[in-house]
PDB file of N, CA and C in Angstrom:
ATOM      1  N   UNK A   1     100.778 107.202  99.663  1.00  0.00           N
ATOM      2  CA  UNK A   1     101.422 106.039 100.279  1.00  0.00           C
ATOM      3  C   UNK A   1     100.370 105.098 100.847  1.00  0.00           C
ATOM      4  N   UNK A   2     100.639 103.815 100.687  1.00  0.00           N
ATOM      5  CA  UNK A   2      99.741 102.853 101.325  1.00  0.00           C
ATOM      6  C   UNK A   2     100.270 102.564 102.732  1.00  0.00           C
ATOM      7  N   UNK A   3      99.546 101.793 103.489  1.00  0.00           N
ATOM      8  CA  UNK A   3      99.890 101.599 104.897  1.00  0.00           C
ATOM      9  C   UNK A   3     100.476 100.246 105.214  1.00  0.00           C
ATOM     10  N   UNK A   4     101.319  99.717 104.329  1.00  0.00           N
ATOM     11  CA  UNK A   4     101.865  98.378 104.566  1.00  0.00           C
ATOM     12  C   UNK A   4     103.195  98.381 105.311  1.00  0.00           C
ATOM     13  N   UNK A   5     103.858  99.542 105.423  1.00  0.00           N
ATOM     14  CA  UNK A   5     105.136  99.622 106.137  1.00  0.00           C
ATOM     15  C   UNK A   5     104.940 100.358 107.458  1.00  0.00           C
ATOM     16  N   UNK A   6     105.350  99.711 108.536  1.00  0.00           N
ATOM     17  CA  UNK A   6     105.190 100.291 109.874  1.00  0.00           C
ATOM     18  C   UNK A   6     105.974 101.594 110.015  1.00  0.00           C
ATOM     19  N   UNK A   7     107.138 101.679 109.344  1.00  0.00           N
ATOM     20  CA  UNK A   7     107.992 102.865 109.458  1.00  0.00           C
ATOM     21  C   UNK A   7     107.344 104.126 108.875  1.00  0.00           C
ATOM     22  N   UNK A   8     106.343 103.961 107.986  1.00  0.00           N
ATOM     23  CA  UNK A   8     105.656 105.111 107.384  1.00  0.00           C
ATOM     24  C   UNK A   8     104.591 105.707 108.300  1.00  0.00           C
ATOM     25  N   UNK A   9     104.231 104.978 109.355  1.00  0.00           N
ATOM     26  CA  UNK A   9     103.088 105.371 110.191  1.00  0.00           C
ATOM     27  C   UNK A   9     103.581 105.809 111.557  1.00  0.00           C
ATOM     28  N   UNK A  10     103.124 106.989 111.980  1.00  0.00           N
ATOM     29  CA  UNK A  10     103.499 107.530 113.284  1.00  0.00           C
ATOM     30  C   UNK A  10     102.235 108.039 113.973  1.00  0.00           C
ATOM     31  N   UNK A  11     102.189 107.957 115.305  1.00  0.00           N
ATOM     32  CA  UNK A  11     101.045 108.551 116.012  1.00  0.00           C
ATOM     33  C   UNK A  11     100.904 110.029 115.653  1.00  0.00           C
ATOM     34  N   UNK A  12      99.676 110.469 115.436  1.00  0.00           N
ATOM     35  CA  UNK A  12      99.409 111.865 115.117  1.00  0.00           C
ATOM     36  C   UNK A  12      99.192 112.145 113.643  1.00  0.00           C
ATOM     37  N   UNK A  13      99.494 111.174 112.754  1.00  0.00           N
ATOM     38  CA  UNK A  13      99.256 111.420 111.327  1.00  0.00           C
ATOM     39  C   UNK A  13      97.833 111.007 110.958  1.00  0.00           C
ATOM     40  N   UNK A  14      97.329 111.606 109.883  1.00  0.00           N
ATOM     41  CA  UNK A  14      95.978 111.300 109.419  1.00  0.00           C
ATOM     42  C   UNK A  14      96.037 110.161 108.403  1.00  0.00           C
ATOM     43  N   UNK A  15      95.147 109.183 108.603  1.00  0.00           N
ATOM     44  CA  UNK A  15      95.126 108.002 107.740  1.00  0.00           C
ATOM     45  C   UNK A  15      93.697 107.634 107.391  1.00  0.00           C
ATOM     46  N   UNK A  16      93.561 106.787 106.363  1.00  0.00           N
ATOM     47  CA  UNK A  16      92.279 106.162 106.035  1.00  0.00           C
ATOM     48  C   UNK A  16      92.440 104.676 106.327  1.00  0.00           C
ATOM     49  N   UNK A  17      91.545 104.146 107.184  1.00  0.00           N
ATOM     50  CA  UNK A  17      91.621 102.734 107.552  1.00  0.00           C
ATOM     51  C   UNK A  17      90.365 102.006 107.100  1.00  0.00           C
ATOM     52  N   UNK A  18      90.479 100.685 107.010  1.00  0.00           N
ATOM     53  CA  UNK A  18      89.307  99.850 106.777  1.00  0.00           C
ATOM     54  C   UNK A  18      89.034  99.114 108.084  1.00  0.00           C
ATOM     55  N   UNK A  19      87.818  99.278 108.601  1.00  0.00           N
ATOM     56  CA  UNK A  19      87.411  98.603 109.826  1.00  0.00           C
ATOM     57  C   UNK A  19      87.094  97.143 109.515  1.00  0.00           C
ATOM     58  N   UNK A  20      87.134  96.293 110.529  1.00  0.00           N
ATOM     59  CA  UNK A  20      86.849  94.868 110.346  1.00  0.00           C
ATOM     60  C   UNK A  20      85.480  94.673 109.678  1.00  0.00           C
ATOM     61  N   UNK A  21      84.474  95.413 110.145  1.00  0.00           N
ATOM     62  CA  UNK A  21      83.116  95.254 109.598  1.00  0.00           C
ATOM     63  C   UNK A  21      83.010  95.754 108.155  1.00  0.00           C
ATOM     64  N   UNK A  22      83.966  96.568 107.706  1.00  0.00           N
ATOM     65  CA  UNK A  22      83.930  97.139 106.355  1.00  0.00           C
ATOM     66  C   UNK A  22      84.866  96.424 105.375  1.00  0.00           C
ATOM     67  N   UNK A  23      85.499  95.327 105.800  1.00  0.00           N
ATOM     68  CA  UNK A  23      86.471  94.676 104.924  1.00  0.00           C
ATOM     69  C   UNK A  23      85.851  94.198 103.608  1.00  0.00           C
ATOM     70  N   UNK A  24      84.625  93.690 103.658  1.00  0.00           N
ATOM     71  CA  UNK A  24      83.975  93.225 102.419  1.00  0.00           C
ATOM     72  C   UNK A  24      83.619  94.380 101.494  1.00  0.00           C
ATOM     73  N   UNK A  25      83.071  95.469 102.074  1.00  0.00           N
ATOM     74  CA  UNK A  25      82.633  96.601 101.252  1.00  0.00           C
ATOM     75  C   UNK A  25      83.802  97.506 100.858  1.00  0.00           C
ATOM     76  N   UNK A  26      84.859  97.528 101.667  1.00  0.00           N
ATOM     77  CA  UNK A  26      85.998  98.390 101.378  1.00  0.00           C
ATOM     78  C   UNK A  26      85.813  99.835 101.797  1.00  0.00           C
ATOM     79  N   UNK A  27      84.749 100.126 102.583  1.00  0.00           N
ATOM     80  CA  UNK A  27      84.536 101.492 103.065  1.00  0.00           C
ATOM     81  C   UNK A  27      85.698 101.928 103.932  1.00  0.00           C
ATOM     82  N   UNK A  28      86.189 103.147 103.696  1.00  0.00           N
ATOM     83  CA  UNK A  28      87.313 103.671 104.466  1.00  0.00           C
ATOM     84  C   UNK A  28      86.827 104.655 105.516  1.00  0.00           C
ATOM     85  N   UNK A  29      87.528 104.677 106.639  1.00  0.00           N
ATOM     86  CA  UNK A  29      87.246 105.587 107.734  1.00  0.00           C
ATOM     87  C   UNK A  29      88.496 106.426 107.955  1.00  0.00           C
ATOM     88  N   UNK A  30      88.330 107.753 107.992  1.00  0.00           N
ATOM     89  CA  UNK A  30      89.488 108.625 108.186  1.00  0.00           C
ATOM     90  C   UNK A  30      89.618 109.013 109.650  1.00  0.00           C
ATOM     91  N   UNK A  31      90.855 109.198 110.082  1.00  0.00           N
ATOM     92  CA  UNK A  31      91.101 109.619 111.454  1.00  0.00           C
ATOM     93  C   UNK A  31      92.577 109.801 111.709  1.00  0.00           C
ATOM     94  N   UNK A  32      92.893 110.125 112.965  1.00  0.00           N
ATOM     95  CA  UNK A  32      94.267 110.383 113.377  1.00  0.00           C
ATOM     96  C   UNK A  32      94.753 109.200 114.218  1.00  0.00           C
ATOM     97  N   UNK A  33      95.961 108.714 113.917  1.00  0.00           N
ATOM     98  CA  UNK A  33      96.524 107.550 114.610  1.00  0.00           C
ATOM     99  C   UNK A  33      96.824 107.887 116.070  1.00  0.00           C
ATOM    100  N   UNK A  34      96.308 107.052 116.970  1.00  0.00           N
ATOM    101  CA  UNK A  34      96.649 107.170 118.398  1.00  0.00           C
ATOM    102  C   UNK A  34      97.807 106.242 118.723  1.00  0.00           C
ATOM    103  N   UNK A  35      97.692 104.951 118.330  1.00  0.00           N
ATOM    104  CA  UNK A  35      98.816 104.043 118.499  1.00  0.00           C
ATOM    105  C   UNK A  35      98.797 102.943 117.456  1.00  0.00           C
ATOM    106  N   UNK A  36      99.961 102.328 117.282  1.00  0.00           N
ATOM    107  CA  UNK A  36     100.159 101.289 116.272  1.00  0.00           C
ATOM    108  C   UNK A  36     100.061  99.939 116.969  1.00  0.00           C
ATOM    109  N   UNK A  37      99.240  99.045 116.431  1.00  0.00           N
ATOM    110  CA  UNK A  37      99.011  97.751 117.066  1.00  0.00           C
ATOM    111  C   UNK A  37      99.828  96.624 116.432  1.00  0.00           C
ATOM    112  N   UNK A  38     100.199  96.747 115.168  1.00  0.00           N
ATOM    113  CA  UNK A  38     100.996  95.718 114.494  1.00  0.00           C
ATOM    114  C   UNK A  38     102.452  95.843 114.925  1.00  0.00           C
ATOM    115  N   UNK A  39     103.038  94.727 115.319  1.00  0.00           N
ATOM    116  CA  UNK A  39     104.435  94.738 115.779  1.00  0.00           C
ATOM    117  C   UNK A  39     105.428  94.524 114.636  1.00  0.00           C
ATOM    118  N   UNK A  40     105.031  93.787 113.585  1.00  0.00           N
ATOM    119  CA  UNK A  40     105.971  93.470 112.507  1.00  0.00           C
ATOM    120  C   UNK A  40     106.250  94.704 111.644  1.00  0.00           C
ATOM    121  N   UNK A  41     107.419  94.750 110.968  1.00  0.00           N
ATOM    122  CA  UNK A  41     107.786  95.933 110.175  1.00  0.00           C
ATOM    123  C   UNK A  41     106.892  96.173 108.963  1.00  0.00           C
ATOM    124  N   UNK A  42     106.234  95.123 108.453  1.00  0.00           N
ATOM    125  CA  UNK A  42     105.262  95.313 107.371  1.00  0.00           C
ATOM    126  C   UNK A  42     104.182  94.254 107.452  1.00  0.00           C
ATOM    127  N   UNK A  43     103.055  94.538 106.779  1.00  0.00           N
ATOM    128  CA  UNK A  43     101.936  93.606 106.741  1.00  0.00           C
ATOM    129  C   UNK A  43     101.256  93.742 105.386  1.00  0.00           C
ATOM    130  N   UNK A  44     100.973  92.627 104.711  1.00  0.00           N
ATOM    131  CA  UNK A  44     100.413  92.703 103.351  1.00  0.00           C
ATOM    132  C   UNK A  44      99.031  93.353 103.273  1.00  0.00           C
ATOM    133  N   UNK A  45      98.262  93.335 104.367  1.00  0.00           N
ATOM    134  CA  UNK A  45      96.915  93.930 104.348  1.00  0.00           C
ATOM    135  C   UNK A  45      96.866  95.301 104.996  1.00  0.00           C
ATOM    136  N   UNK A  46      98.007  95.807 105.447  1.00  0.00           N
ATOM    137  CA  UNK A  46      98.050  97.117 106.091  1.00  0.00           C
ATOM    138  C   UNK A  46      98.348  96.991 107.575  1.00  0.00           C
ATOM    139  N   UNK A  47      99.024  97.990 108.109  1.00  0.00           N
ATOM    140  CA  UNK A  47      99.373  98.021 109.528  1.00  0.00           C
ATOM    141  C   UNK A  47      98.111  98.323 110.340  1.00  0.00           C
ATOM    142  N   UNK A  48      97.886  97.566 111.406  1.00  0.00           N
ATOM    143  CA  UNK A  48      96.701  97.777 112.250  1.00  0.00           C
ATOM    144  C   UNK A  48      96.988  98.895 113.243  1.00  0.00           C
ATOM    145  N   UNK A  49      96.064  99.855 113.320  1.00  0.00           N
ATOM    146  CA  UNK A  49      96.217 101.003 114.216  1.00  0.00           C
ATOM    147  C   UNK A  49      94.923 101.263 114.978  1.00  0.00           C
ATOM    148  N   UNK A  50      95.054 102.005 116.079  1.00  0.00           N
ATOM    149  CA  UNK A  50      93.886 102.515 116.806  1.00  0.00           C
ATOM    150  C   UNK A  50      93.849 104.010 116.570  1.00  0.00           C
ATOM    151  N   UNK A  51      92.696 104.521 116.164  1.00  0.00           N
ATOM    152  CA  UNK A  51      92.526 105.959 115.956  1.00  0.00           C
ATOM    153  C   UNK A  51      92.242 106.646 117.280  1.00  0.00           C
ATOM    154  N   UNK A  52      92.345 107.967 117.294  1.00  0.00           N
ATOM    155  CA  UNK A  52      92.099 108.730 118.520  1.00  0.00           C
ATOM    156  C   UNK A  52      90.675 108.560 119.038  1.00  0.00           C
ATOM    157  N   UNK A  53      89.720 108.231 118.145  1.00  0.00           N
ATOM    158  CA  UNK A  53      88.334 108.010 118.592  1.00  0.00           C
ATOM    159  C   UNK A  53      88.088 106.568 119.042  1.00  0.00           C
ATOM    160  N   UNK A  54      89.146 105.726 119.038  1.00  0.00           N
ATOM    161  CA  UNK A  54      89.032 104.370 119.551  1.00  0.00           C
ATOM    162  C   UNK A  54      88.786 103.288 118.513  1.00  0.00           C
ATOM    163  N   UNK A  55      88.518 103.675 117.269  1.00  0.00           N
ATOM    164  CA  UNK A  55      88.268 102.683 116.227  1.00  0.00           C
ATOM    165  C   UNK A  55      89.580 102.003 115.818  1.00  0.00           C
ATOM    166  N   UNK A  56      89.496 100.688 115.508  1.00  0.00           N
ATOM    167  CA  UNK A  56      90.671  99.907 115.137  1.00  0.00           C
ATOM    168  C   UNK A  56      90.485  99.374 113.733  1.00  0.00           C
ATOM    169  N   UNK A  57      91.542  99.498 112.923  1.00  0.00           N
ATOM    170  CA  UNK A  57      91.478  98.961 111.567  1.00  0.00           C
ATOM    171  C   UNK A  57      92.855  98.973 110.933  1.00  0.00           C
ATOM    172  N   UNK A  58      92.906  98.514 109.683  1.00  0.00           N
ATOM    173  CA  UNK A  58      94.173  98.457 108.956  1.00  0.00           C
ATOM    174  C   UNK A  58      94.296  99.659 108.028  1.00  0.00           C
ATOM    175  N   UNK A  59      95.483 100.266 108.024  1.00  0.00           N
ATOM    176  CA  UNK A  59      95.742 101.455 107.220  1.00  0.00           C
ATOM    177  C   UNK A  59      95.745 101.080 105.739  1.00  0.00           C
ATOM    178  N   UNK A  60      94.932 101.769 104.954  1.00  0.00           N
ATOM    179  CA  UNK A  60      94.902 101.579 103.510  1.00  0.00           C
ATOM    180  C   UNK A  60      95.545 102.752 102.778  1.00  0.00           C
ATOM    181  N   UNK A  61      95.572 103.895 103.438  1.00  0.00           N
ATOM    182  CA  UNK A  61      96.090 105.105 102.784  1.00  0.00           C
ATOM    183  C   UNK A  61      96.567 106.089 103.848  1.00  0.00           C
ATOM    184  N   UNK A  62      97.700 106.720 103.574  1.00  0.00           N
ATOM    185  CA  UNK A  62      98.203 107.778 104.451  1.00  0.00           C
ATOM    186  C   UNK A  62      97.833 109.106 103.788  1.00  0.00           C
ATOM    187  N   UNK A  63      97.112 109.946 104.535  1.00  0.00           N
ATOM    188  CA  UNK A  63      96.627 111.225 103.989  1.00  0.00           C
ATOM    189  C   UNK A  63      97.654 112.300 104.300  1.00  0.00           C
ATOM    190  N   UNK A  64      98.161 112.939 103.257  1.00  0.00           N
ATOM    191  CA  UNK A  64      99.200 113.970 103.438  1.00  0.00           C
ATOM    192  C   UNK A  64      98.559 115.314 103.696  1.00  0.00           C
TER     193      UNK A  64
END
């Protein structure tokens, strides 16, 4: 699953995000969602989340 729908993302799940500094390269960072920052039900570039380690980025992939 990709991370464009807010309903698919819940705190505590493992995701791969792209950080702002990595948007050009597309490098993904894996971590566990602490909270969801995007308010709208969907976003074309991915829902913005904060990971438990404090990093913020847009969800590109939900890791099952």
